[in-house]
Amino acid sequence: MRDTHLAALIAELTARSAEFRSMWDAHTVAPCGRDVHTLAHPAVGELTVTQQTFDVPKEPHQCLVTFTAEPGSPSTAALEALKTRGRTVDVPVACAPTP
């Protein structure tokens, strides 16, 4: 991995979280243009987001990934709550897909 900051973050998350380590080791990453995910966030509970991935034409190994929620939905309120509450803990947490 060429990005040293990303490598350090992954190493930290892997060391701190068995759940993250399990998800990272599974390596279930596949390209997709658009997909809907239901996530379990430790601070705001379950939320549903739409992921869209946009290729960067002049940078073949780069893409922009966005996550949005349906306007007016409980998921939008949860994302707003996360945005406005700030970070109150110093331990990173990973959202997990709901079963």
C-alpha atoms as a PDB file:
ATOM      1  CA  MET A   1       0.000   0.000   0.000  1.00  0.00           C
ATOM      2  CA  ARG A   2       1.544   3.303  -1.075  1.00  0.00           C
ATOM      3  CA  ASP A   3      -0.542   5.634   1.106  1.00  0.00           C
ATOM      4  CA  THR A   4       1.245   5.601   4.464  1.00  0.00           C
ATOM      5  CA  HIS A   5      -1.587   7.407   6.282  1.00  0.00           C
ATOM      6  CA  LEU A   6      -4.145   4.900   5.039  1.00  0.00           C
ATOM      7  CA  ALA A   7      -1.848   1.998   5.916  1.00  0.00           C
ATOM      8  CA  ALA A   8      -1.436   3.395   9.452  1.00  0.00           C
ATOM      9  CA  LEU A   9      -5.210   3.804   9.847  1.00  0.00           C
ATOM     10  CA  ILE A  10      -5.857   0.244   8.680  1.00  0.00           C
ATOM     11  CA  ALA A  11      -3.183  -1.068  11.049  1.00  0.00           C
ATOM     12  CA  GLU A  12      -4.761   0.844  13.949  1.00  0.00           C
ATOM     13  CA  LEU A  13      -8.295  -0.322  13.174  1.00  0.00           C
ATOM     14  CA  THR A  14      -7.112  -3.897  12.698  1.00  0.00           C
ATOM     15  CA  ALA A  15      -5.362  -3.841  16.082  1.00  0.00           C
ATOM     16  CA  ARG A  16      -8.317  -2.275  17.928  1.00  0.00           C
ATOM     17  CA  SER A  17     -11.305  -4.050  16.440  1.00  0.00           C
ATOM     18  CA  ALA A  18     -11.883  -7.751  15.827  1.00  0.00           C
ATOM     19  CA  GLU A  19     -14.988  -6.789  13.830  1.00  0.00           C
ATOM     20  CA  PHE A  20     -12.978  -4.498  11.532  1.00  0.00           C
ATOM     21  CA  ARG A  21     -10.232  -7.126  11.210  1.00  0.00           C
ATOM     22  CA  SER A  22     -12.826  -9.707  10.148  1.00  0.00           C
ATOM     23  CA  MET A  23     -14.371  -7.390   7.550  1.00  0.00           C
ATOM     24  CA  TRP A  24     -10.949  -6.300   6.250  1.00  0.00           C
ATOM     25  CA  ASP A  25      -9.701  -9.893   5.992  1.00  0.00           C
ATOM     26  CA  ALA A  26     -12.851 -10.957   4.118  1.00  0.00           C
ATOM     27  CA  HIS A  27     -11.927  -8.417   1.420  1.00  0.00           C
ATOM     28  CA  THR A  28     -15.414  -8.417  -0.061  1.00  0.00           C
ATOM     29  CA  VAL A  29     -14.780  -5.383  -2.241  1.00  0.00           C
ATOM     30  CA  ALA A  30     -16.156  -5.263  -5.738  1.00  0.00           C
ATOM     31  CA  PRO A  31     -16.670  -2.368  -8.112  1.00  0.00           C
ATOM     32  CA  CYS A  32     -20.192  -1.010  -8.293  1.00  0.00           C
ATOM     33  CA  GLY A  33     -21.666   2.132  -9.747  1.00  0.00           C
ATOM     34  CA  ARG A  34     -24.594   2.394  -7.340  1.00  0.00           C
ATOM     35  CA  ASP A  35     -25.731   0.287  -4.425  1.00  0.00           C
ATOM     36  CA  VAL A  36     -27.881   0.606  -1.303  1.00  0.00           C
ATOM     37  CA  HIS A  37     -26.487  -0.436   2.085  1.00  0.00           C
ATOM     38  CA  THR A  38     -28.097  -0.774   5.486  1.00  0.00           C
ATOM     39  CA  LEU A  39     -25.520  -0.112   8.207  1.00  0.00           C
ATOM     40  CA  ALA A  40     -25.452  -0.433  11.981  1.00  0.00           C
ATOM     41  CA  HIS A  41     -23.686   2.627  13.400  1.00  0.00           C
ATOM     42  CA  PRO A  42     -22.728   2.498  17.089  1.00  0.00           C
ATOM     43  CA  ALA A  43     -23.834   6.091  17.766  1.00  0.00           C
ATOM     44  CA  VAL A  44     -27.020   6.497  15.699  1.00  0.00           C
ATOM     45  CA  GLY A  45     -28.214   2.958  15.063  1.00  0.00           C
ATOM     46  CA  GLU A  46     -29.407   1.570  11.761  1.00  0.00           C
ATOM     47  CA  LEU A  47     -29.299   3.744   8.664  1.00  0.00           C
ATOM     48  CA  THR A  48     -29.739   3.131   4.958  1.00  0.00           C
ATOM     49  CA  VAL A  49     -27.481   4.906   2.491  1.00  0.00           C
ATOM     50  CA  THR A  50     -27.032   4.923  -1.254  1.00  0.00           C
ATOM     51  CA  GLN A  51     -23.429   4.545  -2.387  1.00  0.00           C
ATOM     52  CA  GLN A  52     -22.399   5.972  -5.736  1.00  0.00           C
ATOM     53  CA  THR A  53     -18.946   5.488  -7.193  1.00  0.00           C
ATOM     54  CA  PHE A  54     -17.561   7.828  -9.828  1.00  0.00           C
ATOM     55  CA  ASP A  55     -14.389   7.034 -11.772  1.00  0.00           C
ATOM     56  CA  VAL A  56     -11.804   9.792 -12.181  1.00  0.00           C
ATOM     57  CA  PRO A  57     -10.925   9.574 -15.886  1.00  0.00           C
ATOM     58  CA  LYS A  58      -7.447  11.101 -15.678  1.00  0.00           C
ATOM     59  CA  GLU A  59      -6.512   9.052 -12.596  1.00  0.00           C
ATOM     60  CA  PRO A  60      -7.203   5.404 -13.487  1.00  0.00           C
ATOM     61  CA  HIS A  61      -6.768   4.079  -9.936  1.00  0.00           C
ATOM     62  CA  GLN A  62      -8.819   6.777  -8.261  1.00  0.00           C
ATOM     63  CA  CYS A  63     -12.554   7.139  -7.724  1.00  0.00           C
ATOM     64  CA  LEU A  64     -14.925   9.288  -5.718  1.00  0.00           C
ATOM     65  CA  VAL A  65     -17.353   7.438  -3.479  1.00  0.00           C
ATOM     66  CA  THR A  66     -20.381   9.234  -2.029  1.00  0.00           C
ATOM     67  CA  PHE A  67     -22.965   8.076   0.489  1.00  0.00           C
ATOM     68  CA  THR A  68     -26.359   9.769   0.652  1.00  0.00           C
ATOM     69  CA  ALA A  69     -29.657   9.096   2.371  1.00  0.00           C
ATOM     70  CA  GLU A  70     -33.206   9.576   1.141  1.00  0.00           C
ATOM     71  CA  PRO A  71     -34.242  13.190   1.904  1.00  0.00           C
ATOM     72  CA  GLY A  72     -36.479  13.428   4.975  1.00  0.00           C
ATOM     73  CA  SER A  73     -35.708   9.861   6.050  1.00  0.00           C
ATOM     74  CA  PRO A  74     -34.583   8.720   9.508  1.00  0.00           C
ATOM     75  CA  SER A  75     -31.221   7.946   7.881  1.00  0.00           C
ATOM     76  CA  THR A  76     -30.848  11.583   6.813  1.00  0.00           C
ATOM     77  CA  ALA A  77     -31.569  12.656  10.396  1.00  0.00           C
ATOM     78  CA  ALA A  78     -28.961  10.162  11.651  1.00  0.00           C
ATOM     79  CA  LEU A  79     -26.333  11.505   9.233  1.00  0.00           C
ATOM     80  CA  GLU A  80     -27.122  15.074  10.300  1.00  0.00           C
ATOM     81  CA  ALA A  81     -26.781  14.054  13.950  1.00  0.00           C
ATOM     82  CA  LEU A  82     -23.353  12.592  13.228  1.00  0.00           C
ATOM     83  CA  LYS A  83     -22.305  15.702  11.327  1.00  0.00           C
ATOM     84  CA  THR A  84     -23.358  18.110  14.071  1.00  0.00           C
ATOM     85  CA  ARG A  85     -22.346  16.185  17.179  1.00  0.00           C
ATOM     86  CA  GLY A  86     -18.634  16.160  16.436  1.00  0.00           C
ATOM     87  CA  ARG A  87     -16.258  13.439  17.436  1.00  0.00           C
ATOM     88  CA  THR A  88     -16.584  12.679  21.124  1.00  0.00           C
ATOM     89  CA  VAL A  89     -14.409   9.574  21.377  1.00  0.00           C
ATOM     90  CA  ASP A  90     -10.855   8.972  20.249  1.00  0.00           C
ATOM     91  CA  VAL A  91     -11.356   5.353  19.192  1.00  0.00           C
ATOM     92  CA  PRO A  92     -12.365   4.897  15.561  1.00  0.00           C
ATOM     93  CA  VAL A  93     -15.374   2.670  14.983  1.00  0.00           C
ATOM     94  CA  ALA A  94     -16.476   0.947  11.820  1.00  0.00           C
ATOM     95  CA  CYS A  95     -20.052   0.729  10.643  1.00  0.00           C
ATOM     96  CA  ALA A  96     -21.111  -2.810   9.962  1.00  0.00           C
ATOM     97  CA  PRO A  97     -23.584  -4.025   7.389  1.00  0.00           C
ATOM     98  CA  THR A  98     -26.694  -5.264   9.094  1.00  0.00           C
ATOM     99  CA  PRO A  99     -27.358  -8.990   8.711  1.00  0.00           C
END
